[in-house]
Amino acid sequence: MGVGEIRQGLEAATGYTVTLTLTVEDARALWAAAADRALAAPGTTLADVLDTIGPREDPSIADCIAMLTAPAALPGCALDAYEVAEAGDELPPMRIIQLPTQPILRAAHA
């Protein structure tokens, strides 16, 4: 399959949906991992962490999950939506990440 064939296949696609469903088995472990991720950001204080994900004793589970699962930038893609919701909420749980495709640039050959 050549670059031209790949490019043609991508032009037909308009977006993608990625779904992640999980069960929290240890809220304290989840909080600790989210707190570590938050504190790794320059200038973040423990007060910032507590404001964002709550205390270890009463964590905001959705915010902890969001801290750990928020997608990083993907080359050639634009993130349209990112949601974290508890199962049974009005919003679907962690649904709809649509990533429009971008044309592949052809390499210049000498």
N, C-alpha and C. Protein backbone atom coordinates (compact mmCIF):
# COMPACT_ATOMS: atom_id res chain seq x y z
N MET A 1 0.86 -1.17 0.00
CA MET A 1 0.00 0.00 0.00
C MET A 1 0.90 1.23 0.00
N GLY A 2 0.71 2.10 -0.98
CA GLY A 2 1.52 3.31 -1.08
C GLY A 2 0.90 4.47 -0.33
N VAL A 3 1.65 5.57 -0.26
CA VAL A 3 1.18 6.76 0.45
C VAL A 3 -0.12 7.27 -0.17
N GLY A 4 -0.22 7.23 -1.48
CA GLY A 4 -1.43 7.69 -2.15
C GLY A 4 -2.65 6.89 -1.74
N GLU A 5 -2.49 5.56 -1.62
CA GLU A 5 -3.60 4.71 -1.20
C GLU A 5 -4.01 5.01 0.24
N ILE A 6 -3.03 5.23 1.11
CA ILE A 6 -3.32 5.57 2.50
C ILE A 6 -4.07 6.89 2.55
N ARG A 7 -3.59 7.86 1.79
CA ARG A 7 -4.22 9.18 1.79
C ARG A 7 -5.67 9.10 1.32
N GLN A 8 -5.92 8.33 0.26
CA GLN A 8 -7.29 8.20 -0.24
C GLN A 8 -8.19 7.58 0.82
N GLY A 9 -7.70 6.58 1.53
CA GLY A 9 -8.49 5.94 2.58
C GLY A 9 -8.82 6.89 3.70
N LEU A 10 -7.90 7.77 4.05
CA LEU A 10 -8.12 8.69 5.15
C LEU A 10 -9.08 9.81 4.79
N GLU A 11 -9.09 10.21 3.54
CA GLU A 11 -9.98 11.30 3.13
C GLU A 11 -11.44 10.90 3.28
N ALA A 12 -11.75 9.63 3.20
CA ALA A 12 -13.13 9.18 3.31
C ALA A 12 -13.62 9.21 4.76
N ALA A 13 -12.71 9.13 5.72
CA ALA A 13 -13.09 9.10 7.13
C ALA A 13 -13.30 10.52 7.65
N THR A 14 -14.34 10.72 8.43
CA THR A 14 -14.60 12.05 8.98
C THR A 14 -14.25 12.14 10.45
N GLY A 15 -14.21 11.04 11.16
CA GLY A 15 -13.89 11.08 12.58
C GLY A 15 -13.93 9.69 13.17
N TYR A 16 -13.52 9.61 14.40
CA TYR A 16 -13.48 8.34 15.11
C TYR A 16 -14.01 8.55 16.52
N THR A 17 -14.55 7.50 17.09
CA THR A 17 -15.00 7.51 18.47
C THR A 17 -14.18 6.49 19.24
N VAL A 18 -13.63 6.91 20.36
CA VAL A 18 -12.88 6.01 21.24
C VAL A 18 -13.63 5.94 22.55
N THR A 19 -13.94 4.75 23.01
CA THR A 19 -14.69 4.57 24.25
C THR A 19 -13.85 3.79 25.24
N LEU A 20 -13.81 4.27 26.46
CA LEU A 20 -13.11 3.60 27.55
C LEU A 20 -14.10 3.46 28.70
N THR A 21 -14.35 2.25 29.13
CA THR A 21 -15.24 2.01 30.27
C THR A 21 -14.42 1.33 31.34
N LEU A 22 -14.52 1.81 32.57
CA LEU A 22 -13.73 1.20 33.63
C LEU A 22 -14.51 1.13 34.93
N THR A 23 -14.01 0.31 35.83
CA THR A 23 -14.57 0.17 37.17
C THR A 23 -13.49 0.57 38.16
N VAL A 24 -13.79 1.47 39.07
CA VAL A 24 -12.82 1.89 40.08
C VAL A 24 -12.85 0.87 41.20
N GLU A 25 -11.72 0.20 41.40
CA GLU A 25 -11.61 -0.82 42.44
C GLU A 25 -10.93 -0.29 43.69
N ASP A 26 -10.12 0.76 43.56
CA ASP A 26 -9.39 1.32 44.70
C ASP A 26 -9.31 2.84 44.53
N ALA A 27 -10.25 3.55 45.13
CA ALA A 27 -10.33 5.00 44.98
C ALA A 27 -9.09 5.70 45.53
N ARG A 28 -8.50 5.17 46.58
CA ARG A 28 -7.29 5.80 47.14
C ARG A 28 -6.11 5.67 46.19
N ALA A 29 -5.96 4.52 45.56
CA ALA A 29 -4.89 4.34 44.57
C ALA A 29 -5.11 5.26 43.37
N LEU A 30 -6.36 5.37 42.95
CA LEU A 30 -6.69 6.28 41.84
C LEU A 30 -6.34 7.71 42.22
N TRP A 31 -6.73 8.14 43.43
CA TRP A 31 -6.43 9.49 43.89
C TRP A 31 -4.92 9.73 43.94
N ALA A 32 -4.17 8.77 44.47
CA ALA A 32 -2.72 8.93 44.59
C ALA A 32 -2.07 9.10 43.21
N ALA A 33 -2.50 8.31 42.24
CA ALA A 33 -1.95 8.43 40.89
C ALA A 33 -2.32 9.78 40.27
N ALA A 34 -3.57 10.21 40.46
CA ALA A 34 -3.99 11.51 39.91
C ALA A 34 -3.25 12.65 40.59
N ALA A 35 -3.05 12.55 41.91
CA ALA A 35 -2.31 13.59 42.63
C ALA A 35 -0.87 13.66 42.15
N ASP A 36 -0.24 12.51 41.94
CA ASP A 36 1.13 12.48 41.42
C ASP A 36 1.21 13.15 40.05
N ARG A 37 0.24 12.85 39.18
CA ARG A 37 0.23 13.44 37.84
C ARG A 37 0.07 14.95 37.95
N ALA A 38 -0.84 15.40 38.81
CA ALA A 38 -1.08 16.84 38.96
C ALA A 38 0.15 17.54 39.53
N LEU A 39 0.77 16.95 40.52
CA LEU A 39 1.94 17.58 41.16
C LEU A 39 3.15 17.61 40.24
N ALA A 40 3.15 16.80 39.20
CA ALA A 40 4.26 16.81 38.24
C ALA A 40 4.23 18.06 37.35
N ALA A 41 3.09 18.73 37.29
CA ALA A 41 2.98 19.95 36.49
C ALA A 41 3.69 21.09 37.21
N PRO A 42 4.53 21.84 36.51
CA PRO A 42 5.27 22.93 37.15
C PRO A 42 4.34 23.92 37.84
N GLY A 43 4.67 24.26 39.07
CA GLY A 43 3.93 25.26 39.82
C GLY A 43 2.70 24.75 40.56
N THR A 44 2.37 23.47 40.38
CA THR A 44 1.19 22.93 41.05
C THR A 44 1.49 22.67 42.52
N THR A 45 0.59 23.08 43.38
CA THR A 45 0.74 22.88 44.82
C THR A 45 -0.26 21.83 45.30
N LEU A 46 -0.07 21.36 46.53
CA LEU A 46 -1.02 20.42 47.11
C LEU A 46 -2.40 21.06 47.21
N ALA A 47 -2.46 22.35 47.49
CA ALA A 47 -3.75 23.05 47.54
C ALA A 47 -4.45 22.99 46.18
N ASP A 48 -3.68 23.14 45.09
CA ASP A 48 -4.25 23.03 43.75
C ASP A 48 -4.83 21.63 43.52
N VAL A 49 -4.08 20.62 43.96
CA VAL A 49 -4.53 19.24 43.81
C VAL A 49 -5.84 19.03 44.56
N LEU A 50 -5.89 19.48 45.80
CA LEU A 50 -7.10 19.31 46.61
C LEU A 50 -8.29 20.04 46.00
N ASP A 51 -8.05 21.21 45.42
CA ASP A 51 -9.13 21.95 44.75
C ASP A 51 -9.63 21.22 43.50
N THR A 52 -8.73 20.50 42.85
CA THR A 52 -9.06 19.85 41.58
C THR A 52 -9.68 18.47 41.76
N ILE A 53 -9.05 17.62 42.57
CA ILE A 53 -9.52 16.23 42.69
C ILE A 53 -10.04 15.88 44.08
N GLY A 54 -10.05 16.85 44.98
CA GLY A 54 -10.56 16.60 46.33
C GLY A 54 -9.51 15.92 47.20
N PRO A 55 -9.84 15.71 48.46
CA PRO A 55 -8.90 15.06 49.37
C PRO A 55 -8.91 13.54 49.17
N ARG A 56 -7.85 12.89 49.61
CA ARG A 56 -7.75 11.43 49.49
C ARG A 56 -8.94 10.73 50.15
N GLU A 57 -9.42 11.30 51.26
CA GLU A 57 -10.51 10.67 52.00
C GLU A 57 -11.86 10.78 51.30
N ASP A 58 -12.02 11.75 50.42
CA ASP A 58 -13.28 11.96 49.70
C ASP A 58 -12.96 12.48 48.29
N PRO A 59 -12.35 11.64 47.47
CA PRO A 59 -11.91 12.11 46.15
C PRO A 59 -13.07 12.33 45.19
N SER A 60 -12.84 13.25 44.26
CA SER A 60 -13.75 13.40 43.13
C SER A 60 -13.30 12.38 42.08
N ILE A 61 -14.00 11.26 42.05
CA ILE A 61 -13.58 10.15 41.19
C ILE A 61 -13.51 10.58 39.72
N ALA A 62 -14.52 11.28 39.24
CA ALA A 62 -14.52 11.71 37.83
C ALA A 62 -13.33 12.61 37.53
N ASP A 63 -12.99 13.51 38.46
CA ASP A 63 -11.84 14.40 38.23
C ASP A 63 -10.53 13.62 38.28
N CYS A 64 -10.44 12.62 39.14
CA CYS A 64 -9.23 11.77 39.18
C CYS A 64 -9.07 11.02 37.86
N ILE A 65 -10.17 10.45 37.38
CA ILE A 65 -10.11 9.73 36.10
C ILE A 65 -9.74 10.68 34.97
N ALA A 66 -10.33 11.86 34.96
CA ALA A 66 -10.01 12.84 33.92
C ALA A 66 -8.54 13.22 33.97
N MET A 67 -7.99 13.39 35.17
CA MET A 67 -6.58 13.75 35.31
C MET A 67 -5.68 12.69 34.67
N LEU A 68 -6.07 11.44 34.79
CA LEU A 68 -5.22 10.35 34.31
C LEU A 68 -5.51 9.92 32.87
N THR A 69 -6.69 10.22 32.36
CA THR A 69 -7.04 9.72 31.03
C THR A 69 -7.17 10.81 29.97
N ALA A 70 -7.06 12.07 30.35
CA ALA A 70 -7.18 13.14 29.36
C ALA A 70 -6.19 12.88 28.23
N PRO A 71 -6.67 12.87 27.01
CA PRO A 71 -5.79 12.54 25.90
C PRO A 71 -4.73 13.60 25.64
N ALA A 72 -3.57 13.14 25.29
CA ALA A 72 -2.50 14.03 24.86
C ALA A 72 -2.76 14.41 23.40
N ALA A 73 -2.08 15.40 22.93
CA ALA A 73 -2.22 15.80 21.54
C ALA A 73 -1.78 14.66 20.62
N LEU A 74 -2.54 14.45 19.57
CA LEU A 74 -2.20 13.44 18.58
C LEU A 74 -1.82 14.15 17.29
N PRO A 75 -0.67 13.85 16.72
CA PRO A 75 -0.25 14.51 15.49
C PRO A 75 -1.30 14.36 14.39
N GLY A 76 -1.63 15.44 13.76
CA GLY A 76 -2.57 15.42 12.65
C GLY A 76 -4.02 15.33 13.06
N CYS A 77 -4.31 15.47 14.34
CA CYS A 77 -5.68 15.31 14.83
C CYS A 77 -6.10 16.52 15.66
N ALA A 78 -7.39 16.77 15.69
CA ALA A 78 -7.96 17.80 16.55
C ALA A 78 -8.97 17.12 17.45
N LEU A 79 -8.86 17.33 18.74
CA LEU A 79 -9.77 16.73 19.71
C LEU A 79 -11.07 17.52 19.72
N ASP A 80 -12.18 16.86 19.44
CA ASP A 80 -13.48 17.52 19.41
C ASP A 80 -14.20 17.48 20.75
N ALA A 81 -14.05 16.40 21.49
CA ALA A 81 -14.78 16.27 22.75
C ALA A 81 -14.08 15.28 23.67
N TYR A 82 -14.22 15.53 24.96
CA TYR A 82 -13.70 14.61 25.99
C TYR A 82 -14.61 14.74 27.19
N GLU A 83 -15.18 13.63 27.63
CA GLU A 83 -16.11 13.66 28.75
C GLU A 83 -15.82 12.50 29.69
N VAL A 84 -15.99 12.75 30.97
CA VAL A 84 -15.94 11.70 31.98
C VAL A 84 -17.22 11.82 32.79
N ALA A 85 -17.98 10.75 32.88
CA ALA A 85 -19.23 10.77 33.63
C ALA A 85 -19.41 9.43 34.32
N GLU A 86 -20.04 9.48 35.47
CA GLU A 86 -20.35 8.24 36.20
C GLU A 86 -21.43 7.48 35.44
N ALA A 87 -21.29 6.17 35.38
CA ALA A 87 -22.30 5.35 34.71
C ALA A 87 -23.66 5.65 35.33
N GLY A 88 -24.65 5.87 34.48
CA GLY A 88 -25.98 6.20 34.95
C GLY A 88 -26.26 7.69 34.93
N ASP A 89 -25.22 8.53 34.77
CA ASP A 89 -25.45 9.97 34.64
C ASP A 89 -26.11 10.24 33.30
N GLU A 90 -26.59 11.46 33.13
CA GLU A 90 -27.25 11.82 31.88
C GLU A 90 -26.29 11.77 30.70
N LEU A 91 -25.04 12.11 30.92
CA LEU A 91 -24.05 12.03 29.84
C LEU A 91 -23.55 10.60 29.73
N PRO A 92 -23.26 10.13 28.52
CA PRO A 92 -22.70 8.78 28.40
C PRO A 92 -21.32 8.74 29.04
N PRO A 93 -20.96 7.64 29.72
CA PRO A 93 -19.67 7.59 30.40
C PRO A 93 -18.51 7.56 29.42
N MET A 94 -17.63 8.52 29.57
CA MET A 94 -16.38 8.60 28.82
C MET A 94 -16.55 8.25 27.35
N ARG A 95 -17.36 8.98 26.66
CA ARG A 95 -17.66 8.69 25.27
C ARG A 95 -17.21 9.82 24.35
N ILE A 96 -17.24 9.53 23.11
CA ILE A 96 -17.09 10.44 22.00
C ILE A 96 -15.83 11.29 22.07
N ILE A 97 -14.80 10.71 21.58
CA ILE A 97 -13.61 11.47 21.25
C ILE A 97 -13.51 11.35 19.74
N GLN A 98 -13.88 12.40 19.04
CA GLN A 98 -13.85 12.38 17.59
C GLN A 98 -12.59 13.08 17.12
N LEU A 99 -11.84 12.39 16.32
CA LEU A 99 -10.58 12.93 15.83
C LEU A 99 -10.63 13.02 14.31
N PRO A 100 -10.87 14.20 13.78
CA PRO A 100 -10.87 14.33 12.32
C PRO A 100 -9.49 14.04 11.77
N THR A 101 -9.47 13.44 10.62
CA THR A 101 -8.19 13.11 10.00
C THR A 101 -7.68 14.29 9.19
N GLN A 102 -6.40 14.33 9.03
CA GLN A 102 -5.75 15.34 8.21
C GLN A 102 -5.07 14.61 7.06
N PRO A 103 -5.00 15.22 5.89
CA PRO A 103 -4.32 14.56 4.77
C PRO A 103 -2.85 14.31 5.11
N ILE A 104 -2.36 13.19 4.65
CA ILE A 104 -0.95 12.88 4.83
C ILE A 104 -0.16 13.66 3.78
N LEU A 105 0.88 14.34 4.23
CA LEU A 105 1.72 15.09 3.30
C LEU A 105 2.69 14.14 2.63
N ARG A 106 2.86 14.30 1.36
CA ARG A 106 3.81 13.46 0.63
C ARG A 106 5.22 13.99 0.85
N ALA A 107 6.13 13.08 1.05
CA ALA A 107 7.53 13.45 1.23
C ALA A 107 8.11 13.83 -0.12
N ALA A 108 8.94 14.85 -0.11
CA ALA A 108 9.62 15.26 -1.34
C ALA A 108 10.79 14.32 -1.59
N HIS A 109 10.85 13.77 -2.77
CA HIS A 109 11.95 12.86 -3.13
C HIS A 109 12.86 13.57 -4.11
N ALA A 110 14.14 13.47 -3.85
CA ALA A 110 15.11 14.14 -4.72
C ALA A 110 15.39 13.31 -5.95
